[in-house]
Amino acid sequence: MELKMKEFEGQVAVITGAAQGIGYATAERLKNEGAQLMIWDLDKKLGKEAAEKLNCDFIQMDMTNDKVVKECKDETLKRHKKIDILVCSAGIAGPTMPTWDYPVDEWLKVINVNVNGVYYCNRHVIKAMRNQGYGRIVNIASIAGKEGNPNAAAYSASKAAVIALTKSLGKETADQNIAVNCITPAAAKTRIFDQITQQHIDYMLSKIPRNRFVKVEEIASLIRFLVSKENSFTTAGVFDISGGRATY
């Protein structure tokens, strides 16, 4: 009997923030379907632990440094010769407070990680994908980027920027077999909850018609399709996974 090839056999997937949460769940899903993984994460301890569990490569990376991101891309290409998939999952929530009280340094920190970091990763990896004529990118945005959560101006603004970046890059690369999409999940119970208040967590839950938080495995399932060869048409798209919260 001929063995069926796994969906991602022979493909190289880079996942940022894969030491935990959505990133880890996605990495595990792709690994189980044959992908060669490269984890890029700032947390050295958790990154190494995740890489050991998944039997894959890990590079410690500060995604707010453009030079460092380029070096990580170059090292990945040195080890694996190509990058077929990029999932940008790393991000931070920032403090929960009204816009007029939001500290400027905290605003800049959120924007630097959630916007600039995603831009740097997309910017460098897309060059490799264009050279090989194939690639799949999924950026993790948020329902907050569509609707704007109160007391979370920096996070909401940063995720709106990720949506716009994705649309621009997807259109710029539509001349090749490259798909650049993003997803807008409702909140999931990950360690990012440690960064926000219980009041804000309760607010987010109250807005979800499903009356529960999304599971990281459910998000990974959506990402799995978007980074597959099967997704050969949709690009510059925004995919909702908000439990009915999204109004558009």
Foldseek 3Di string as FASTA:
>chain_A
DDDDQFQAALAEEEEEPCLWFLNVLLLQVVLVRHYAYEYEYQDPVSQVVSCVVSVHHYDYADLLDLVRLLVVVVVCCVVRVAHAEYEYDDAAQFEFAAPVPRDPVRLVVRLSCLASSVCSNCVNRVVRCVVVQHHFYEYEAALCCVVPDGRRNSNNVSSVNVLVVQLVVQVVSVVGQYAGEYEHEQDEPICSVVRYDPVSVVVSLVLAPQSDHDYSNVVSVVVVVRSTSVVRPHHSYYHYHYNPNDPD
